[in-house]
Amino acid sequence: MSESRVDNMAAARLNAALDALHWGGVALAAQTGVNDRTARRWISGQNPPPVAILTWVERLAAFHRENPAPVTPTKPPTILS
């Protein structure tokens, strides 16, 4: 498998995880301590993300999917007497 194909696969995995987290490049950069340009290069597939970062983001996304935020009711429940 060519290196560019591996980079594109990593970018696709990273993008899927970022979508699940509702994160963009700025959030990824802030959370990983890199500059925005580095995060954009990982997201676009121009440079591969480090394996540790890709794995971490995928684990966060999996946790987020398995543990969604509680839904708050839009109106108070009706109390039956």
N, C-alpha and C. Protein backbone atom coordinates (compact mmCIF):
# COMPACT_ATOMS: atom_id res chain seq x y z
N MET A 1 0.85 -1.17 0.00
CA MET A 1 0.00 0.00 0.00
C MET A 1 0.90 1.23 0.00
N SER A 2 0.54 2.20 -0.82
CA SER A 2 1.38 3.39 -0.95
C SER A 2 1.26 4.26 0.30
N GLU A 3 2.30 5.07 0.53
CA GLU A 3 2.32 5.94 1.70
C GLU A 3 1.18 6.95 1.66
N SER A 4 0.88 7.49 0.46
CA SER A 4 -0.20 8.48 0.37
C SER A 4 -1.55 7.84 0.69
N ARG A 5 -1.72 6.59 0.31
CA ARG A 5 -2.99 5.91 0.63
C ARG A 5 -3.12 5.70 2.14
N VAL A 6 -2.01 5.35 2.79
CA VAL A 6 -2.02 5.19 4.25
C VAL A 6 -2.35 6.52 4.91
N ASP A 7 -1.74 7.63 4.41
CA ASP A 7 -2.03 8.96 4.96
C ASP A 7 -3.51 9.30 4.78
N ASN A 8 -4.07 8.98 3.62
CA ASN A 8 -5.49 9.27 3.37
C ASN A 8 -6.40 8.45 4.28
N MET A 9 -6.00 7.20 4.54
CA MET A 9 -6.80 6.37 5.45
C MET A 9 -6.74 6.94 6.86
N ALA A 10 -5.56 7.39 7.28
CA ALA A 10 -5.43 7.99 8.61
C ALA A 10 -6.26 9.26 8.68
N ALA A 11 -6.23 10.06 7.63
CA ALA A 11 -7.02 11.30 7.60
C ALA A 11 -8.51 10.98 7.67
N ALA A 12 -8.94 9.94 6.97
CA ALA A 12 -10.36 9.56 6.99
C ALA A 12 -10.77 9.11 8.39
N ARG A 13 -9.92 8.34 9.03
CA ARG A 13 -10.20 7.89 10.41
C ARG A 13 -10.24 9.08 11.36
N LEU A 14 -9.28 9.99 11.20
CA LEU A 14 -9.23 11.17 12.05
C LEU A 14 -10.48 12.02 11.85
N ASN A 15 -10.87 12.23 10.61
CA ASN A 15 -12.06 13.03 10.32
C ASN A 15 -13.32 12.40 10.88
N ALA A 16 -13.44 11.10 10.80
CA ALA A 16 -14.61 10.41 11.36
C ALA A 16 -14.67 10.61 12.87
N ALA A 17 -13.53 10.51 13.53
CA ALA A 17 -13.49 10.71 14.98
C ALA A 17 -13.81 12.16 15.34
N LEU A 18 -13.25 13.10 14.58
CA LEU A 18 -13.52 14.51 14.84
C LEU A 18 -15.00 14.83 14.66
N ASP A 19 -15.62 14.24 13.64
CA ASP A 19 -17.06 14.44 13.43
C ASP A 19 -17.86 13.95 14.64
N ALA A 20 -17.49 12.79 15.15
CA ALA A 20 -18.20 12.23 16.30
C ALA A 20 -18.06 13.13 17.53
N LEU A 21 -16.92 13.80 17.65
CA LEU A 21 -16.67 14.68 18.78
C LEU A 21 -17.19 16.10 18.57
N HIS A 22 -17.61 16.39 17.34
CA HIS A 22 -18.01 17.75 16.96
C HIS A 22 -16.83 18.72 17.11
N TRP A 23 -15.66 18.23 16.74
CA TRP A 23 -14.43 19.03 16.79
C TRP A 23 -14.02 19.40 15.38
N GLY A 24 -13.35 20.52 15.27
CA GLY A 24 -12.70 20.93 14.03
C GLY A 24 -11.20 20.98 14.25
N GLY A 25 -10.51 21.57 13.31
CA GLY A 25 -9.07 21.66 13.40
C GLY A 25 -8.58 22.48 14.57
N VAL A 26 -9.31 23.55 14.89
CA VAL A 26 -8.89 24.41 16.00
C VAL A 26 -8.96 23.64 17.32
N ALA A 27 -10.04 22.90 17.52
CA ALA A 27 -10.18 22.11 18.75
C ALA A 27 -9.11 21.02 18.81
N LEU A 28 -8.87 20.36 17.69
CA LEU A 28 -7.84 19.32 17.65
C LEU A 28 -6.48 19.92 18.00
N ALA A 29 -6.17 21.06 17.43
CA ALA A 29 -4.89 21.72 17.71
C ALA A 29 -4.79 22.08 19.19
N ALA A 30 -5.85 22.65 19.73
CA ALA A 30 -5.83 23.06 21.14
C ALA A 30 -5.66 21.87 22.07
N GLN A 31 -6.36 20.79 21.77
CA GLN A 31 -6.32 19.62 22.65
C GLN A 31 -5.00 18.85 22.56
N THR A 32 -4.33 18.95 21.43
CA THR A 32 -3.08 18.20 21.24
C THR A 32 -1.84 19.05 21.37
N GLY A 33 -2.00 20.36 21.52
CA GLY A 33 -0.86 21.22 21.72
C GLY A 33 -0.04 21.50 20.47
N VAL A 34 -0.69 21.38 19.30
CA VAL A 34 0.00 21.71 18.05
C VAL A 34 -0.62 22.98 17.47
N ASN A 35 0.04 23.55 16.48
CA ASN A 35 -0.56 24.74 15.87
C ASN A 35 -1.64 24.32 14.87
N ASP A 36 -2.47 25.28 14.50
CA ASP A 36 -3.60 25.01 13.61
C ASP A 36 -3.16 24.42 12.29
N ARG A 37 -2.05 24.88 11.76
CA ARG A 37 -1.57 24.39 10.46
C ARG A 37 -1.25 22.89 10.52
N THR A 38 -0.62 22.46 11.60
CA THR A 38 -0.31 21.04 11.76
C THR A 38 -1.60 20.22 11.79
N ALA A 39 -2.58 20.68 12.57
CA ALA A 39 -3.85 19.96 12.65
C ALA A 39 -4.53 19.90 11.29
N ARG A 40 -4.52 21.01 10.55
CA ARG A 40 -5.13 21.02 9.21
C ARG A 40 -4.43 20.04 8.27
N ARG A 41 -3.12 19.92 8.39
CA ARG A 41 -2.38 18.97 7.55
C ARG A 41 -2.75 17.54 7.88
N TRP A 42 -2.94 17.24 9.16
CA TRP A 42 -3.39 15.90 9.53
C TRP A 42 -4.78 15.63 8.97
N ILE A 43 -5.67 16.60 9.11
CA ILE A 43 -7.06 16.44 8.68
C ILE A 43 -7.16 16.26 7.17
N SER A 44 -6.34 16.99 6.44
CA SER A 44 -6.38 16.92 4.97
C SER A 44 -5.65 15.71 4.41
N GLY A 45 -4.85 15.06 5.25
CA GLY A 45 -4.07 13.92 4.76
C GLY A 45 -2.73 14.34 4.18
N GLN A 46 -2.42 15.63 4.24
CA GLN A 46 -1.13 16.10 3.73
C GLN A 46 0.01 15.50 4.55
N ASN A 47 -0.17 15.41 5.86
CA ASN A 47 0.78 14.75 6.76
C ASN A 47 -0.01 13.78 7.62
N PRO A 48 0.57 12.63 7.93
CA PRO A 48 -0.16 11.69 8.79
C PRO A 48 -0.12 12.16 10.25
N PRO A 49 -1.21 11.97 10.97
CA PRO A 49 -1.17 12.30 12.40
C PRO A 49 -0.32 11.25 13.12
N PRO A 50 0.32 11.62 14.22
CA PRO A 50 1.02 10.61 15.00
C PRO A 50 0.04 9.52 15.45
N VAL A 51 0.51 8.30 15.48
CA VAL A 51 -0.35 7.17 15.84
C VAL A 51 -0.97 7.38 17.22
N ALA A 52 -0.20 7.89 18.15
CA ALA A 52 -0.72 8.09 19.51
C ALA A 52 -1.88 9.09 19.51
N ILE A 53 -1.78 10.13 18.71
CA ILE A 53 -2.86 11.12 18.65
C ILE A 53 -4.09 10.55 17.95
N LEU A 54 -3.89 9.86 16.84
CA LEU A 54 -5.01 9.24 16.13
C LEU A 54 -5.74 8.26 17.04
N THR A 55 -4.98 7.44 17.74
CA THR A 55 -5.58 6.45 18.65
C THR A 55 -6.35 7.14 19.77
N TRP A 56 -5.78 8.20 20.34
CA TRP A 56 -6.42 8.93 21.42
C TRP A 56 -7.73 9.55 20.96
N VAL A 57 -7.72 10.21 19.81
CA VAL A 57 -8.93 10.85 19.30
C VAL A 57 -9.99 9.80 18.98
N GLU A 58 -9.58 8.67 18.41
CA GLU A 58 -10.55 7.60 18.11
C GLU A 58 -11.15 7.04 19.40
N ARG A 59 -10.36 6.91 20.44
CA ARG A 59 -10.88 6.42 21.72
C ARG A 59 -11.86 7.42 22.33
N LEU A 60 -11.54 8.71 22.25
CA LEU A 60 -12.47 9.73 22.74
C LEU A 60 -13.78 9.67 21.97
N ALA A 61 -13.69 9.52 20.66
CA ALA A 61 -14.90 9.46 19.83
C ALA A 61 -15.73 8.24 20.19
N ALA A 62 -15.09 7.10 20.39
CA ALA A 62 -15.81 5.89 20.77
C ALA A 62 -16.53 6.08 22.10
N PHE A 63 -15.83 6.69 23.06
CA PHE A 63 -16.46 6.95 24.36
C PHE A 63 -17.65 7.89 24.19
N HIS A 64 -17.48 8.90 23.38
CA HIS A 64 -18.56 9.88 23.15
C HIS A 64 -19.78 9.20 22.52
N ARG A 65 -19.55 8.30 21.56
CA ARG A 65 -20.67 7.59 20.93
C ARG A 65 -21.37 6.67 21.91
N GLU A 66 -20.59 6.01 22.78
CA GLU A 66 -21.15 5.05 23.73
C GLU A 66 -21.79 5.73 24.94
N ASN A 67 -21.46 6.98 25.18
CA ASN A 67 -21.95 7.71 26.35
C ASN A 67 -22.46 9.09 25.95
N PRO A 68 -23.56 9.14 25.22
CA PRO A 68 -24.06 10.44 24.78
C PRO A 68 -24.54 11.28 25.96
N ALA A 69 -24.56 12.57 25.74
CA ALA A 69 -25.06 13.49 26.77
C ALA A 69 -26.52 13.19 27.05
N PRO A 70 -26.95 13.37 28.30
CA PRO A 70 -28.36 13.14 28.60
C PRO A 70 -29.22 14.18 27.89
N VAL A 71 -30.39 13.74 27.53
CA VAL A 71 -31.34 14.63 26.86
C VAL A 71 -32.17 15.31 27.93
N THR A 72 -32.23 16.61 27.86
CA THR A 72 -33.06 17.33 28.82
C THR A 72 -34.43 17.58 28.20
N PRO A 73 -35.47 17.42 28.98
CA PRO A 73 -36.81 17.64 28.42
C PRO A 73 -36.99 19.11 28.03
N THR A 74 -37.79 19.30 27.00
CA THR A 74 -38.05 20.67 26.53
C THR A 74 -39.12 21.35 27.38
N LYS A 75 -39.94 20.57 28.07
CA LYS A 75 -40.93 21.15 28.98
C LYS A 75 -40.97 20.27 30.24
N PRO A 76 -41.39 20.83 31.33
CA PRO A 76 -41.44 20.05 32.57
C PRO A 76 -42.41 18.88 32.44
N PRO A 77 -42.09 17.79 33.09
CA PRO A 77 -43.00 16.63 33.03
C PRO A 77 -44.33 16.94 33.73
N THR A 78 -45.37 16.30 33.24
CA THR A 78 -46.70 16.46 33.84
C THR A 78 -46.77 15.57 35.07
N ILE A 79 -47.21 16.16 36.17
CA ILE A 79 -47.34 15.39 37.42
C ILE A 79 -48.79 14.93 37.52
N LEU A 80 -48.95 13.63 37.57
CA LEU A 80 -50.29 13.05 37.69
C LEU A 80 -50.59 12.83 39.15
N SER A 81 -51.82 13.20 39.59
CA SER A 81 -52.18 12.98 40.98
C SER A 81 -53.07 11.77 41.12
